[in-house]
Protein backbone atom coordinates (compact mmCIF):
# COMPACT_ATOMS: atom_id res chain seq x y z
CA MET A 1 0.00 0.00 0.00
CA SER A 2 1.44 3.38 -0.95
CA HIS A 3 0.39 6.72 0.42
CA SER A 4 -0.26 9.77 -1.67
CA PRO A 5 1.73 12.95 -1.17
CA GLY A 6 0.39 15.98 0.55
CA ALA A 7 -0.69 19.19 -1.05
CA GLY A 8 2.56 19.69 -2.98
CA THR A 9 4.27 17.58 -5.66
CA LEU A 10 7.98 16.69 -5.40
CA ASP A 11 10.31 17.34 -8.35
CA PRO A 12 11.65 13.90 -9.36
CA GLY A 13 15.00 15.40 -10.28
CA ALA A 14 15.46 16.74 -6.79
CA VAL A 15 15.39 13.31 -5.20
CA SER A 16 18.94 11.97 -5.38
CA VAL A 17 19.10 9.91 -2.17
CA GLN A 18 17.03 7.24 -0.51
CA PRO A 19 14.01 8.59 1.34
CA ASP A 20 15.33 7.37 4.68
CA ASP A 21 18.68 9.17 4.27
CA ALA A 22 17.90 12.00 6.63
CA SER A 23 21.51 13.14 6.81
CA SER A 24 21.24 14.87 3.41
CA ASP A 25 17.96 16.60 4.26
CA HIS A 26 18.88 19.98 5.73
CA ARG A 27 15.33 21.06 6.43
CA PRO A 28 14.31 21.56 10.08
CA PRO A 29 13.18 18.34 11.79
CA ARG A 30 9.75 19.86 12.44
CA THR A 31 9.26 20.46 8.70
CA ARG A 32 10.29 16.90 7.84
CA SER A 33 7.95 15.60 10.53
CA ARG A 34 5.02 17.63 9.17
CA GLU A 35 5.62 16.30 5.64
CA ARG A 36 5.75 12.69 6.85
CA THR A 37 2.52 13.26 8.79
CA ALA A 38 0.91 14.78 5.70
CA ARG A 39 2.01 11.79 3.62
CA ARG A 40 0.45 9.42 6.14
CA GLY A 41 -2.81 11.36 6.37
CA ARG A 42 -3.63 13.77 3.54
CA GLY A 43 -5.11 11.95 0.57
CA HIS A 44 -5.07 8.50 2.19
CA PRO A 45 -8.09 6.74 0.61
CA TRP A 46 -9.45 4.90 3.62
CA LEU A 47 -8.94 7.80 6.04
CA THR A 48 -10.64 10.04 3.48
CA LEU A 49 -13.55 7.60 3.38
CA VAL A 50 -13.90 7.83 7.17
CA ALA A 51 -13.96 11.64 7.05
CA VAL A 52 -16.53 11.67 4.24
CA ALA A 53 -18.66 9.07 6.02
CA LEU A 54 -18.85 11.21 9.16
CA GLY A 55 -20.32 14.08 7.17
CA VAL A 56 -22.76 11.85 5.30
CA MET A 57 -23.90 10.37 8.61
CA MET A 58 -25.46 13.71 9.56
CA VAL A 59 -27.60 13.66 6.42
CA GLY A 60 -28.61 10.04 7.00
CA LEU A 61 -29.70 10.75 10.56
CA ASP A 62 -31.68 13.77 9.41
CA ALA A 63 -33.60 11.57 6.96
CA THR A 64 -35.31 9.70 9.80
CA VAL A 65 -35.04 11.71 13.01
CA VAL A 66 -37.24 14.54 11.72
CA THR A 67 -40.12 12.15 11.10
CA ILE A 68 -39.96 10.98 14.70
CA ALA A 69 -39.68 14.54 16.06
CA ASN A 70 -42.58 15.96 14.00
CA PRO A 71 -45.40 15.21 16.50
CA ALA A 72 -43.45 16.87 19.32
CA ILE A 73 -42.68 19.87 17.10
CA ALA A 74 -46.39 20.20 16.27
CA ALA A 75 -47.40 20.03 19.93
CA ASP A 76 -44.75 22.52 21.08
CA LEU A 77 -45.09 25.07 18.26
CA GLY A 78 -48.81 24.65 17.56
CA ALA A 79 -48.23 23.60 13.96
CA SER A 80 -51.04 22.53 11.66
CA LEU A 81 -50.68 19.42 9.51
CA SER A 82 -49.73 21.46 6.43
CA GLY A 83 -47.29 23.55 8.46
CA LEU A 84 -45.70 20.41 9.82
CA GLN A 85 -45.38 18.97 6.32
CA TRP A 86 -43.34 22.01 5.34
CA VAL A 87 -40.78 21.16 8.01
CA THR A 88 -39.91 18.26 5.71
CA ASN A 89 -40.82 19.80 2.35
CA ALA A 90 -38.75 22.99 2.82
CA TYR A 91 -35.61 20.89 3.26
CA LEU A 92 -36.56 18.67 0.36
CA LEU A 93 -37.15 21.57 -2.02
CA ALA A 94 -33.87 23.30 -1.14
CA LEU A 95 -31.98 20.04 -1.54
CA ALA A 96 -33.56 19.03 -4.84
CA VAL A 97 -33.04 22.36 -6.63
CA THR A 98 -29.42 22.74 -5.49
CA LEU A 99 -27.81 19.31 -5.87
CA ILE A 100 -26.58 19.55 -9.48
CA PRO A 101 -25.42 23.21 -9.19
CA ALA A 102 -23.67 22.21 -5.95
CA GLY A 103 -21.90 19.39 -7.78
CA LYS A 104 -20.70 21.86 -10.39
CA ILE A 105 -19.54 24.22 -7.64
CA ALA A 106 -17.55 21.35 -6.12
CA ASP A 107 -15.94 20.53 -9.48
CA ARG A 108 -14.97 24.15 -10.10
CA PHE A 109 -14.00 25.52 -6.68
CA GLY A 110 -12.76 22.34 -5.03
CA ARG A 111 -14.51 19.24 -3.68
CA ARG A 112 -12.79 19.33 -0.28
CA ARG A 113 -13.65 22.99 0.23
CA THR A 114 -17.27 22.46 -0.85
CA PHE A 115 -17.70 19.36 1.31
CA LEU A 116 -16.36 21.08 4.42
CA ALA A 117 -18.54 24.14 3.77
CA GLY A 118 -21.54 21.81 3.60
CA VAL A 119 -20.55 20.12 6.87
CA VAL A 120 -20.23 23.46 8.67
CA GLY A 121 -23.48 24.81 7.21
CA PHE A 122 -25.41 21.64 8.03
CA ALA A 123 -24.22 21.58 11.63
CA ILE A 124 -24.85 25.29 12.26
CA SER A 125 -28.31 25.27 10.67
CA SER A 126 -29.20 22.17 12.72
CA VAL A 127 -28.33 23.99 15.94
CA LEU A 128 -30.34 27.05 14.83
CA ILE A 129 -33.36 24.82 14.13
CA GLY A 130 -33.19 23.64 17.73
CA LEU A 131 -32.93 27.24 18.97
CA SER A 132 -35.89 28.43 16.87
CA GLY A 133 -38.84 29.74 18.81
CA GLY A 134 -41.48 29.35 16.12
CA LEU A 135 -42.50 27.26 13.17
CA GLY A 136 -41.49 29.90 10.62
CA ALA A 137 -37.93 29.96 11.93
CA VAL A 138 -37.77 26.16 11.90
CA ILE A 139 -38.86 26.09 8.24
CA PHE A 140 -36.36 28.83 7.30
CA TRP A 141 -33.39 27.03 8.84
CA ARG A 142 -34.56 23.78 7.28
CA VAL A 143 -34.17 25.53 3.90
CA VAL A 144 -30.62 26.54 4.84
CA GLN A 145 -29.98 22.98 6.00
CA GLY A 146 -31.12 21.72 2.60
CA PHE A 147 -28.68 24.03 0.80
CA ALA A 148 -25.85 22.80 3.05
CA GLY A 149 -26.81 19.18 2.46
CA ALA A 150 -26.66 19.82 -1.28
CA LEU A 151 -23.07 21.06 -0.94
CA LEU A 152 -22.13 18.05 1.16
CA GLN A 153 -23.61 15.08 -0.70
CA PRO A 154 -22.35 15.36 -4.33
CA ALA A 155 -18.95 16.53 -3.10
CA SER A 156 -18.64 13.43 -0.90
CA LEU A 157 -19.09 11.09 -3.88
CA ALA A 158 -16.78 13.22 -6.04
CA ILE A 159 -14.07 13.04 -3.35
CA LEU A 160 -14.29 9.25 -3.34
CA ARG A 161 -14.32 9.17 -7.15
CA ASN A 162 -11.06 11.14 -7.27
CA THR A 163 -9.36 9.42 -4.33
CA PHE A 164 -9.91 5.71 -4.95
CA PRO A 165 -8.60 3.75 -7.93
CA ALA A 166 -11.23 2.17 -10.15
CA GLU A 167 -10.79 -1.32 -8.71
CA ARG A 168 -11.54 -0.09 -5.18
CA LEU A 169 -14.22 2.50 -5.92
CA ASN A 170 -17.12 0.05 -5.60
CA THR A 171 -15.93 -1.07 -2.18
CA ALA A 172 -15.62 2.55 -1.06
CA ILE A 173 -19.14 3.37 -2.26
CA GLY A 174 -20.35 0.24 -0.43
CA VAL A 175 -18.90 1.52 2.85
CA TRP A 176 -20.32 4.97 2.07
CA GLY A 177 -23.75 3.33 1.64
CA SER A 178 -23.29 1.36 4.88
CA THR A 179 -22.74 4.62 6.73
CA LEU A 180 -26.05 5.89 5.42
CA GLY A 181 -27.59 2.58 6.50
CA VAL A 182 -26.23 2.85 10.04
CA SER A 183 -27.53 6.39 10.45
CA ILE A 184 -30.90 5.62 8.85
CA ALA A 185 -31.28 2.46 10.96
CA GLY A 186 -30.33 4.16 14.22
CA GLY A 187 -32.15 7.43 13.53
CA PRO A 188 -35.67 6.41 14.65
CA ILE A 189 -34.43 4.81 17.85
CA VAL A 190 -32.05 7.65 18.75
CA ALA A 191 -34.69 10.27 17.94
CA GLY A 192 -37.38 8.42 19.89
CA LEU A 193 -35.19 8.24 22.98
CA LEU A 194 -34.19 11.90 22.74
CA VAL A 195 -37.75 13.14 22.15
CA GLU A 196 -39.16 11.03 25.00
CA HIS A 197 -36.41 11.75 27.54
CA VAL A 198 -34.98 15.17 26.55
CA ASN A 199 -36.84 17.28 23.95
CA TRP A 200 -37.29 17.57 20.20
CA GLU A 201 -34.59 20.23 19.96
CA SER A 202 -31.95 17.70 21.05
CA VAL A 203 -32.60 15.73 17.85
CA PHE A 204 -31.10 18.61 15.86
CA PHE A 205 -28.37 19.45 18.37
CA LEU A 206 -27.00 15.95 17.73
CA ASN A 207 -25.52 17.17 14.45
CA ALA A 208 -23.21 19.66 16.20
CA PRO A 209 -20.67 17.16 17.62
CA LEU A 210 -20.90 15.03 14.47
CA GLY A 211 -20.21 18.07 12.32
CA LEU A 212 -17.24 19.14 14.44
CA VAL A 213 -15.60 15.72 14.20
CA ALA A 214 -16.29 15.55 10.44
CA LEU A 215 -14.78 19.04 9.97
CA LEU A 216 -11.59 18.24 11.89
CA ALA A 217 -11.16 14.89 10.15
CA GLY A 218 -11.80 16.44 6.75
CA LEU A 219 -9.29 19.24 7.30
CA TRP A 220 -6.70 16.62 8.16
CA VAL A 221 -7.12 13.91 5.56
CA ILE A 222 -9.14 15.03 2.50
CA ARG A 223 -7.02 16.02 -0.50
CA GLU A 224 -8.32 18.86 -2.64
CA SER A 225 -9.40 18.09 -6.19
CA ARG A 226 -11.23 20.06 -8.85
CA ASP A 227 -12.00 20.15 -12.56
CA GLU A 228 -9.19 22.27 -13.98
CA GLU A 229 -11.24 22.84 -17.14
CA ALA A 230 -14.00 24.53 -15.13
CA ALA A 231 -12.03 27.66 -14.30
CA GLY A 232 -13.87 29.77 -16.87
CA SER A 233 -17.26 31.37 -16.69
CA PHE A 234 -19.99 29.77 -14.58
CA ASP A 235 -23.26 28.84 -16.28
CA LEU A 236 -25.53 31.10 -14.23
CA PRO A 237 -28.46 30.87 -16.69
CA GLY A 238 -28.19 27.08 -16.48
CA VAL A 239 -28.25 27.22 -12.68
CA ALA A 240 -31.34 29.44 -12.71
CA LEU A 241 -33.20 27.37 -15.32
CA LEU A 242 -32.45 23.97 -13.78
CA SER A 243 -33.18 25.19 -10.26
CA GLY A 244 -36.47 26.71 -11.46
CA ALA A 245 -37.45 23.54 -13.34
CA LEU A 246 -36.70 21.27 -10.40
CA PHE A 247 -38.47 23.65 -8.02
CA ALA A 248 -41.58 23.64 -10.22
CA LEU A 249 -41.50 19.84 -10.49
CA VAL A 250 -41.02 19.18 -6.78
CA TRP A 251 -43.51 21.91 -5.81
CA GLY A 252 -46.07 20.36 -8.13
CA LEU A 253 -45.50 16.92 -6.64
CA ILE A 254 -45.85 18.21 -3.10
CA LYS A 255 -49.04 20.13 -3.89
CA ALA A 256 -50.42 17.12 -5.81
CA GLY A 257 -49.94 15.08 -2.65
CA GLU A 258 -52.04 17.65 -0.78
CA ASP A 259 -54.68 18.59 -3.37
CA GLY A 260 -54.56 15.88 -6.05
CA PHE A 261 -52.95 15.87 -9.48
CA GLY A 262 -55.95 17.51 -11.15
CA ALA A 263 -55.76 20.67 -9.04
CA THR A 264 -54.70 23.97 -10.64
CA VAL A 265 -51.42 24.49 -8.77
CA PRO A 266 -49.91 21.07 -9.63
CA LEU A 267 -50.95 21.37 -13.29
CA VAL A 268 -49.44 24.86 -13.62
CA SER A 269 -46.29 23.72 -11.81
CA PHE A 270 -45.81 20.72 -14.09
CA ALA A 271 -46.34 22.88 -17.20
CA ALA A 272 -43.77 25.38 -15.93
CA ALA A 273 -41.33 22.53 -15.23
CA VAL A 274 -41.65 21.22 -18.80
CA VAL A 275 -41.04 24.68 -20.30
CA LEU A 276 -38.08 25.42 -18.02
CA PHE A 277 -36.49 22.02 -18.69
CA ALA A 278 -36.82 22.60 -22.45
CA VAL A 279 -35.19 26.05 -22.20
CA PHE A 280 -32.49 24.55 -19.96
CA VAL A 281 -31.64 21.93 -22.60
CA TRP A 282 -31.47 24.65 -25.27
CA ASN A 283 -29.17 26.70 -23.07
CA GLU A 284 -26.86 23.78 -22.29
CA LEU A 285 -26.46 22.97 -25.99
CA ARG A 286 -25.30 26.48 -26.85
CA VAL A 287 -23.04 27.55 -23.93
CA GLU A 288 -19.33 26.76 -23.92
CA ARG A 289 -19.19 25.46 -20.33
CA PRO A 290 -22.62 24.02 -19.46
CA LEU A 291 -23.78 23.34 -15.93
CA LEU A 292 -24.84 19.80 -16.88
CA PRO A 293 -22.95 18.58 -19.96
CA LEU A 294 -25.66 16.77 -21.89
CA GLY A 295 -22.99 14.62 -23.47
CA LEU A 296 -23.06 12.64 -20.23
CA PHE A 297 -26.33 11.13 -21.38
CA ARG A 298 -24.71 9.69 -24.48
CA SER A 299 -23.75 6.92 -22.08
CA VAL A 300 -26.67 4.50 -22.18
CA SER A 301 -25.54 3.07 -18.84
CA LEU A 302 -25.52 6.45 -17.12
CA SER A 303 -28.92 7.38 -18.55
CA ALA A 304 -30.47 4.03 -17.65
CA ALA A 305 -28.98 4.13 -14.15
CA THR A 306 -30.37 7.63 -13.59
CA GLY A 307 -33.85 6.50 -14.61
CA LEU A 308 -33.50 3.39 -12.47
CA ILE A 309 -32.59 5.45 -9.40
CA VAL A 310 -35.74 7.53 -9.93
CA LEU A 311 -37.91 4.41 -10.25
CA GLY A 312 -36.17 2.60 -7.42
CA PHE A 313 -36.54 5.44 -4.95
CA PHE A 314 -40.13 5.93 -6.11
CA ALA A 315 -40.92 2.38 -5.04
CA MET A 316 -38.79 2.18 -1.90
CA PHE A 317 -39.19 5.56 -0.23
CA GLY A 318 -42.90 5.82 -0.93
CA THR A 319 -43.36 2.37 0.58
CA ILE A 320 -41.30 3.09 3.71
CA PHE A 321 -43.41 6.19 4.36
CA PHE A 322 -46.64 4.18 4.40
CA ILE A 323 -45.17 1.26 6.35
CA THR A 324 -44.26 3.73 9.09
CA LEU A 325 -47.89 4.96 9.16
CA TYR A 326 -49.12 1.36 9.26
CA LEU A 327 -46.94 0.42 12.24
CA GLN A 328 -47.66 3.55 14.29
CA GLN A 329 -51.27 4.39 13.43
CA VAL A 330 -52.83 1.01 12.69
CA HIS A 331 -50.80 -1.16 15.07
CA GLY A 332 -50.49 1.64 17.64
CA MET A 333 -46.72 1.37 18.13
CA SER A 334 -44.65 4.16 19.67
CA PRO A 335 -41.97 5.76 17.49
CA VAL A 336 -39.26 3.76 19.26
CA ASP A 337 -41.19 0.50 18.90
CA ALA A 338 -41.80 1.17 15.21
CA GLY A 339 -38.10 1.93 14.69
CA VAL A 340 -37.12 -1.32 16.39
CA ARG A 341 -39.60 -3.30 14.27
CA MET A 342 -38.13 -1.78 11.11
CA LEU A 343 -34.56 -2.74 12.04
CA PRO A 344 -34.68 -5.86 9.81
CA MET A 345 -35.16 -3.45 6.90
CA THR A 346 -32.71 -0.74 7.89
CA ALA A 347 -30.02 -2.79 9.62
CA VAL A 348 -29.64 -5.31 6.80
CA PHE A 349 -28.82 -2.35 4.56
CA ILE A 350 -25.58 -2.03 6.54
CA VAL A 351 -24.56 -5.53 5.45
CA ALA A 352 -26.05 -5.36 1.96
CA SER A 353 -24.11 -2.24 0.94
CA PRO A 354 -20.56 -3.68 1.11
CA VAL A 355 -21.83 -6.96 -0.37
CA ALA A 356 -23.30 -4.95 -3.24
CA GLY A 357 -19.95 -3.20 -3.65
CA ALA A 358 -18.19 -6.56 -3.90
CA LEU A 359 -20.76 -7.88 -6.40
CA THR A 360 -20.44 -4.73 -8.48
CA SER A 361 -16.64 -5.05 -8.51
CA ARG A 362 -16.87 -8.63 -9.76
CA PHE A 363 -19.85 -8.59 -12.12
CA GLY A 364 -20.44 -4.90 -12.83
CA PRO A 365 -23.53 -2.94 -11.69
CA ARG A 366 -26.05 -4.78 -13.90
CA VAL A 367 -26.30 -7.96 -11.79
CA PRO A 368 -26.89 -6.29 -8.39
CA LEU A 369 -29.30 -3.80 -9.98
CA VAL A 370 -31.40 -6.51 -11.60
CA VAL A 371 -31.39 -8.62 -8.43
CA GLY A 372 -32.07 -5.59 -6.22
CA MET A 373 -35.08 -4.38 -8.19
CA ALA A 374 -36.44 -7.93 -8.48
CA PHE A 375 -36.14 -8.27 -4.69
CA THR A 376 -37.90 -4.92 -4.31
CA ALA A 377 -40.82 -5.96 -6.50
CA THR A 378 -41.14 -9.29 -4.65
CA ALA A 379 -41.12 -7.61 -1.24
CA LEU A 380 -43.67 -4.97 -2.24
CA PHE A 381 -46.06 -7.51 -3.73
CA GLY A 382 -45.69 -9.54 -0.52
CA LEU A 383 -46.38 -6.54 1.72
CA SER A 384 -49.38 -5.58 -0.41
CA ARG A 385 -51.15 -8.72 0.83
CA ILE A 386 -50.92 -8.07 4.59
CA GLY A 387 -54.02 -7.25 6.64
CA VAL A 388 -54.91 -4.97 9.54
CA GLU A 389 -53.87 -7.43 12.25
CA ALA A 390 -50.90 -8.97 10.43
CA PRO A 391 -48.50 -10.55 12.97
CA TYR A 392 -44.91 -9.41 12.86
CA VAL A 393 -43.80 -12.76 11.44
CA GLN A 394 -45.61 -11.79 8.22
CA LEU A 395 -43.70 -8.50 8.01
CA TRP A 396 -40.03 -8.97 8.88
CA PRO A 397 -39.08 -11.35 6.01
CA TRP A 398 -40.27 -8.74 3.50
CA PHE A 399 -38.40 -6.05 5.48
CA VAL A 400 -35.17 -8.05 5.18
CA LEU A 401 -35.67 -8.50 1.44
CA LEU A 402 -36.43 -4.79 0.96
CA GLY A 403 -33.38 -3.71 2.96
CA THR A 404 -31.15 -6.06 0.98
CA ALA A 405 -32.57 -4.69 -2.26
CA PHE A 406 -32.06 -1.08 -1.18
CA GLY A 407 -28.39 -1.72 -0.38
CA MET A 408 -27.82 -3.26 -3.79
CA VAL A 409 -29.64 -0.54 -5.73
CA ILE A 410 -28.08 2.49 -4.05
CA VAL A 411 -24.51 1.16 -4.27
CA ALA A 412 -24.67 -0.31 -7.79
CA GLY A 413 -26.77 2.60 -9.09
CA THR A 414 -24.36 5.15 -7.67
CA GLU A 415 -21.39 3.34 -9.22
CA ALA A 416 -23.17 3.14 -12.57
CA ILE A 417 -23.74 6.91 -12.63
CA VAL A 418 -20.50 8.15 -11.08
CA GLY A 419 -18.38 5.42 -12.67
CA ASN A 420 -19.68 6.12 -16.19
CA ALA A 421 -18.97 9.86 -15.91
CA PRO A 422 -15.52 11.35 -16.60
CA ALA A 423 -13.53 11.85 -13.42
CA HIS A 424 -13.40 15.62 -13.91
CA LEU A 425 -17.23 15.68 -13.82
CA ALA A 426 -17.49 13.55 -10.68
CA GLY A 427 -19.20 16.34 -8.74
CA VAL A 428 -21.85 16.80 -11.42
CA ALA A 429 -22.40 13.04 -11.56
CA GLY A 430 -22.78 12.89 -7.78
CA GLY A 431 -25.31 15.71 -7.91
CA LEU A 432 -27.18 13.94 -10.70
CA GLN A 433 -27.40 10.74 -8.64
CA GLN A 434 -28.65 12.56 -5.56
CA THR A 435 -31.15 14.61 -7.56
CA ALA A 436 -32.56 11.45 -9.16
CA ALA A 437 -32.94 9.90 -5.70
CA GLN A 438 -34.69 12.96 -4.23
CA VAL A 439 -37.05 13.36 -7.19
CA GLY A 440 -37.85 9.64 -7.11
CA GLY A 441 -38.57 9.77 -3.39
CA VAL A 442 -40.86 12.79 -3.71
CA LEU A 443 -42.56 11.29 -6.75
CA GLY A 444 -43.18 8.01 -4.92
CA THR A 445 -44.51 9.61 -1.77
CA SER A 446 -46.78 11.98 -3.72
CA VAL A 447 -48.13 9.59 -6.37
CA LEU A 448 -48.58 6.67 -3.99
CA GLY A 449 -50.15 9.05 -1.47
CA VAL A 450 -52.71 10.24 -4.02
CA LEU A 451 -53.49 6.63 -4.96
CA LEU A 452 -53.91 5.69 -1.31
CA SER A 453 -56.13 8.65 -0.42
CA THR A 454 -58.24 8.20 -3.58
CA ARG A 455 -58.82 4.54 -2.81
CA VAL A 456 -59.65 5.35 0.82
CA GLY A 457 -62.21 7.94 -0.32
CA ASP A 458 -63.83 5.38 -2.62
CA VAL A 459 -64.26 2.64 -0.01
CA LEU A 460 -64.47 4.45 3.34
CA ALA A 461 -68.26 4.75 3.60
CA GLY A 462 -68.74 1.11 2.62
CA ARG A 463 -66.07 -0.14 5.01
CA LEU A 464 -67.59 1.83 7.89
CA ALA A 465 -71.03 0.43 7.11
CA ASP A 466 -69.64 -3.12 6.91
CA ALA A 467 -68.04 -2.61 10.34
CA GLY A 468 -71.42 -1.74 11.88
CA VAL A 469 -71.49 2.05 11.67
CA PRO A 470 -75.05 3.28 10.86
CA GLY A 471 -75.53 4.54 7.30
CA GLY A 472 -75.99 8.22 8.16
CA ALA A 473 -72.97 8.30 10.45
CA ALA A 474 -70.90 6.40 7.87
CA GLN A 475 -71.71 9.01 5.21
CA ARG A 476 -70.80 11.86 7.56
CA LEU A 477 -67.48 10.22 8.51
CA ALA A 478 -66.69 9.50 4.86
CA GLY A 479 -65.55 13.12 4.56
CA GLN A 480 -62.64 12.38 6.91
CA GLU A 481 -60.62 10.44 4.32
CA GLY A 482 -57.67 12.77 4.94
CA LEU A 483 -57.28 11.44 8.47
CA VAL A 484 -58.03 7.85 7.50
CA SER A 485 -55.36 8.05 4.76
CA GLN A 486 -52.85 8.56 7.58
CA GLY A 487 -54.17 5.50 9.42
CA VAL A 488 -56.07 7.63 11.97
CA ALA A 489 -59.61 6.61 12.92
CA PRO A 490 -61.86 9.75 13.09
CA VAL A 491 -63.65 8.82 16.32
CA PRO A 492 -65.69 11.84 17.60
CA PRO A 493 -65.15 12.73 21.28
CA GLY A 494 -67.60 11.03 23.62
CA THR A 495 -68.40 8.18 21.22
CA PRO A 496 -69.46 5.01 23.11
CA ALA A 497 -66.86 2.24 23.12
CA PRO A 498 -68.73 -0.18 20.78
CA ALA A 499 -69.32 2.57 18.19
CA ALA A 500 -65.71 3.76 18.51
CA GLU A 501 -64.51 0.22 17.86
CA SER A 502 -66.68 -0.02 14.73
CA ILE A 503 -65.36 3.30 13.40
CA THR A 504 -61.78 2.23 14.10
CA THR A 505 -62.26 -1.13 12.40
CA GLY A 506 -63.86 0.38 9.28
CA SER A 507 -61.24 3.14 9.06
CA HIS A 508 -58.34 0.72 9.33
CA LEU A 509 -59.85 -1.57 6.71
CA ALA A 510 -60.22 1.41 4.34
CA PHE A 511 -56.62 2.44 5.02
CA MET A 512 -55.44 -1.08 4.20
CA ASP A 513 -57.34 -0.99 0.91
CA GLY A 514 -55.38 2.11 -0.06
CA PHE A 515 -52.16 0.69 1.37
CA GLN A 516 -52.48 -2.47 -0.72
CA THR A 517 -53.26 -0.51 -3.89
CA SER A 518 -50.24 1.77 -3.43
CA LEU A 519 -47.83 -1.08 -2.74
CA THR A 520 -49.09 -3.03 -5.74
CA VAL A 521 -48.37 -0.03 -7.99
CA ALA A 522 -44.96 0.41 -6.35
CA GLY A 523 -44.19 -3.24 -7.07
CA ALA A 524 -45.10 -2.76 -10.73
CA VAL A 525 -42.78 0.27 -10.91
CA ALA A 526 -39.99 -1.85 -9.42
CA LEU A 527 -40.53 -4.45 -12.15
CA ALA A 528 -40.20 -1.69 -14.76
CA ALA A 529 -36.89 -0.72 -13.17
CA VAL A 530 -35.61 -4.26 -13.77
CA LEU A 531 -35.83 -3.54 -17.51
CA ALA A 532 -33.79 -0.35 -17.06
CA ALA A 533 -31.18 -2.32 -15.09
CA LEU A 534 -30.58 -4.61 -18.09
CA LEU A 535 -29.15 -1.62 -20.02
CA VAL A 536 -26.49 -0.75 -17.42
CA ARG A 537 -22.83 -1.63 -17.97
CA ARG A 538 -19.70 -1.20 -15.90
CA GLY A 539 -18.07 2.24 -15.94
CA THR A 540 -14.84 2.50 -17.94
CA SER A 541 -13.62 6.06 -17.37
CA PRO A 542 -10.30 6.28 -15.49
CA VAL A 543 -9.98 7.81 -12.05
CA GLU A 544 -7.63 10.75 -12.30
CA GLY A 545 -5.16 11.32 -9.51
CA ALA A 546 -6.13 8.26 -7.50
CA PRO A 547 -3.25 6.72 -5.56
CA VAL A 548 -2.52 3.02 -5.46
CA VAL A 549 -4.28 1.44 -2.49
């Protein structure tokens, strides 16, 4: 194993003695010691991976802890349901519209610098969320947190892409994915304990020590890299057009989840997204240094992998959202209990990620992607058949299969996108991968949510009547499909116990009708992603500047 040099590069002609011949080196001992320390640390692939993983861990924790903290935030700040949704959506919007521009920023101004700026911004905004005294301030700092996360995530993949040699890149991405798995798996349990025994603010304060350690480690070990060809003008029109198009798309998806896809705001948003995307493509074809070089998509593998990530996250993230509602609202579990029950899904991801990296190294990304999406479809079709009182033994095998699939898809899909892009565009490729994942997740949650709520509205009155609720009362309660779509039974205060039980039974049966419909559609989408996986090949572009590991 050889170690890469520090920030400088030695002149080969100046080295006329063996490296251990200190007698001919007239530099001060302290200088020689600093250079040896830099050689051992700066640019070392595995130490760099540790530093990057620490930063990514903050983002992974944030993906799950906020969901657990939301009820406490609502109770403390008096938030409505729509206001509470914006605690999540504000972060999501900021992240989605900034990921690709942030990748370009990393390529031009330096991946190490961009990554560390993201770490600092994410940690500081997290602390300020905890110090906020009102819902508006929480939403504002969540936007800032999203911008910081966008700086952090593509830069982390680009750093790995330019630090590891090609034969070790898959393994590194596997460990990177395992870090996300650890944080995602532990997030619900950690957040549940903090919310129950401290307060909801402590969930966000947790990022401060993590950010400090990631910053110090990054300053020590990460070697700077950038795209030397990107020193010219920055494609500001491209940034504005792509950000506007993604904003319109994500905004439309979020509003469609609230109001339905036929409402005016979603339709206008989608039309604006189409127009802005078209103008963006025109702009990128004519500028000398485009924000997103469209030549990337000449690679069939990169294009197919990008589409697969969208479809895969559509199926997986939308499903996880509704499984969480099922466990907490229908089965009545506490947040901590629900997090523990989902460990077979989240914890197996920790093991599946490095295994997926090894499979990708040996067979290329196609095999793990095909297997992963086939596992996803199988698990979703299996979960679509569970009932209201399904015992846990009917759930955990599908959770294991889904977690295994997720590990395979995220690692192999990431390698297929980043590995098929030129090394000097690694930041853009990382941003593209993350954007595809975010858009897929929003699309899945929104579309599957509309399907679930529509199905609930169609069957709620009948299910209530079948459960013994009188016809008039059933018709009146049928207008509460918004609550029932979350798994909540709309039992009026003071309702006698037998009537309350009938309302609860009918509501949960209606919820399960919608749940089963949504998961069936998600399974079909996963099957479509298998076809996209067949088009993916191993990346062939060299890794520039990577040391021998």
